[in-house]
């Protein structure tokens, strides 16, 4: 248990859990911005948590049927 007034930031975890699904989004420099550069590299600047609510779908089962001409008699 923490004492009142204890600094909570000392144990704060940075970023989100590594086991979460991640989408890598690259923010690219324009060709103009890269003119004269010896090299380019990527640096993580931000993480966002995106919530996607449960998705439902209806499964429709369709059965193929055959129609035959009725025999006279």
C-alpha atoms as a PDB file:
ATOM      1  CA  UNK A   1       0.000   0.000   0.000  1.00  0.00           C
ATOM      2  CA  UNK A   2       1.292   3.493  -0.822  1.00  0.00           C
ATOM      3  CA  UNK A   3       1.701   6.179   1.778  1.00  0.00           C
ATOM      4  CA  UNK A   4      -0.213   9.395   1.243  1.00  0.00           C
ATOM      5  CA  UNK A   5       1.735  11.808  -0.906  1.00  0.00           C
ATOM      6  CA  UNK A   6       4.117   9.152  -2.226  1.00  0.00           C
ATOM      7  CA  UNK A   7       5.345   9.949  -5.705  1.00  0.00           C
ATOM      8  CA  UNK A   8       3.336   7.753  -8.098  1.00  0.00           C
ATOM      9  CA  UNK A   9       5.348   8.707 -11.177  1.00  0.00           C
ATOM     10  CA  UNK A  10       8.389   6.759  -9.994  1.00  0.00           C
ATOM     11  CA  UNK A  11       6.661   3.429 -10.802  1.00  0.00           C
ATOM     12  CA  UNK A  12       4.727   4.539 -13.887  1.00  0.00           C
ATOM     13  CA  UNK A  13       5.011   2.191 -16.840  1.00  0.00           C
ATOM     14  CA  UNK A  14       5.825   4.002 -20.088  1.00  0.00           C
ATOM     15  CA  UNK A  15       3.837   3.022 -23.177  1.00  0.00           C
ATOM     16  CA  UNK A  16       1.263   0.296 -23.589  1.00  0.00           C
ATOM     17  CA  UNK A  17       1.701  -3.435 -22.992  1.00  0.00           C
ATOM     18  CA  UNK A  18       3.864  -5.124 -25.613  1.00  0.00           C
ATOM     19  CA  UNK A  19       1.344  -7.943 -26.110  1.00  0.00           C
ATOM     20  CA  UNK A  20      -1.258  -5.594 -27.627  1.00  0.00           C
ATOM     21  CA  UNK A  21      -1.792  -5.678 -31.390  1.00  0.00           C
ATOM     22  CA  UNK A  22       0.176  -2.835 -32.925  1.00  0.00           C
ATOM     23  CA  UNK A  23      -0.141  -0.991 -36.210  1.00  0.00           C
ATOM     24  CA  UNK A  24       3.028   0.706 -37.423  1.00  0.00           C
ATOM     25  CA  UNK A  25       2.290   4.118 -38.962  1.00  0.00           C
ATOM     26  CA  UNK A  26       5.132   5.931 -40.693  1.00  0.00           C
ATOM     27  CA  UNK A  27       5.070   9.709 -40.944  1.00  0.00           C
ATOM     28  CA  UNK A  28       7.229  10.336 -43.997  1.00  0.00           C
ATOM     29  CA  UNK A  29       9.316  13.384 -44.800  1.00  0.00           C
ATOM     30  CA  UNK A  30       8.675  14.962 -48.177  1.00  0.00           C
ATOM     31  CA  UNK A  31      11.383  14.769 -50.825  1.00  0.00           C
ATOM     32  CA  UNK A  32      11.917  18.499 -50.231  1.00  0.00           C
ATOM     33  CA  UNK A  33      12.602  17.910 -46.541  1.00  0.00           C
ATOM     34  CA  UNK A  34      15.162  15.179 -47.323  1.00  0.00           C
ATOM     35  CA  UNK A  35      17.235  17.259 -49.755  1.00  0.00           C
ATOM     36  CA  UNK A  36      20.860  17.308 -48.581  1.00  0.00           C
ATOM     37  CA  UNK A  37      20.385  14.694 -45.811  1.00  0.00           C
ATOM     38  CA  UNK A  38      23.069  12.008 -45.456  1.00  0.00           C
ATOM     39  CA  UNK A  39      20.524   9.480 -44.162  1.00  0.00           C
ATOM     40  CA  UNK A  40      17.049   9.218 -42.720  1.00  0.00           C
ATOM     41  CA  UNK A  41      15.669   7.154 -39.830  1.00  0.00           C
ATOM     42  CA  UNK A  42      12.452   6.671 -37.869  1.00  0.00           C
ATOM     43  CA  UNK A  43      11.870   7.572 -34.245  1.00  0.00           C
ATOM     44  CA  UNK A  44       8.710   6.710 -32.285  1.00  0.00           C
ATOM     45  CA  UNK A  45       6.976   9.975 -31.409  1.00  0.00           C
ATOM     46  CA  UNK A  46       3.580   8.844 -30.172  1.00  0.00           C
ATOM     47  CA  UNK A  47       1.450   5.888 -29.100  1.00  0.00           C
ATOM     48  CA  UNK A  48      -2.337   5.941 -29.098  1.00  0.00           C
ATOM     49  CA  UNK A  49      -4.738   3.340 -27.782  1.00  0.00           C
ATOM     50  CA  UNK A  50      -7.551   2.733 -30.255  1.00  0.00           C
ATOM     51  CA  UNK A  51     -10.733   1.122 -28.913  1.00  0.00           C
ATOM     52  CA  UNK A  52     -12.750  -0.921 -31.380  1.00  0.00           C
ATOM     53  CA  UNK A  53     -15.995  -2.133 -29.809  1.00  0.00           C
ATOM     54  CA  UNK A  54     -17.118  -5.722 -30.292  1.00  0.00           C
ATOM     55  CA  UNK A  55     -18.315  -6.350 -33.786  1.00  0.00           C
ATOM     56  CA  UNK A  56     -21.334  -8.482 -34.585  1.00  0.00           C
ATOM     57  CA  UNK A  57     -22.255 -10.079 -37.881  1.00  0.00           C
ATOM     58  CA  UNK A  58     -25.207 -12.138 -39.018  1.00  0.00           C
ATOM     59  CA  UNK A  59     -24.477 -15.492 -40.562  1.00  0.00           C
ATOM     60  CA  UNK A  60     -27.078 -16.234 -43.214  1.00  0.00           C
ATOM     61  CA  UNK A  61     -27.333 -19.866 -44.240  1.00  0.00           C
ATOM     62  CA  UNK A  62     -28.696 -20.320 -47.744  1.00  0.00           C
ATOM     63  CA  UNK A  63     -29.606 -23.771 -48.993  1.00  0.00           C
ATOM     64  CA  UNK A  64     -29.599 -24.533 -52.674  1.00  0.00           C
ATOM     65  CA  UNK A  65     -32.857 -26.070 -53.920  1.00  0.00           C
ATOM     66  CA  UNK A  66     -33.721 -27.734 -57.208  1.00  0.00           C
ATOM     67  CA  UNK A  67     -37.010 -27.341 -59.083  1.00  0.00           C
ATOM     68  CA  UNK A  68     -38.220 -30.194 -61.263  1.00  0.00           C
ATOM     69  CA  UNK A  69     -41.027 -30.157 -63.826  1.00  0.00           C
ATOM     70  CA  UNK A  70     -44.100 -31.962 -62.520  1.00  0.00           C
ATOM     71  CA  UNK A  71     -44.850 -35.229 -64.375  1.00  0.00           C
ATOM     72  CA  UNK A  72     -48.362 -35.456 -65.892  1.00  0.00           C
ATOM     73  CA  UNK A  73     -50.558 -38.126 -64.569  1.00  0.00           C
END
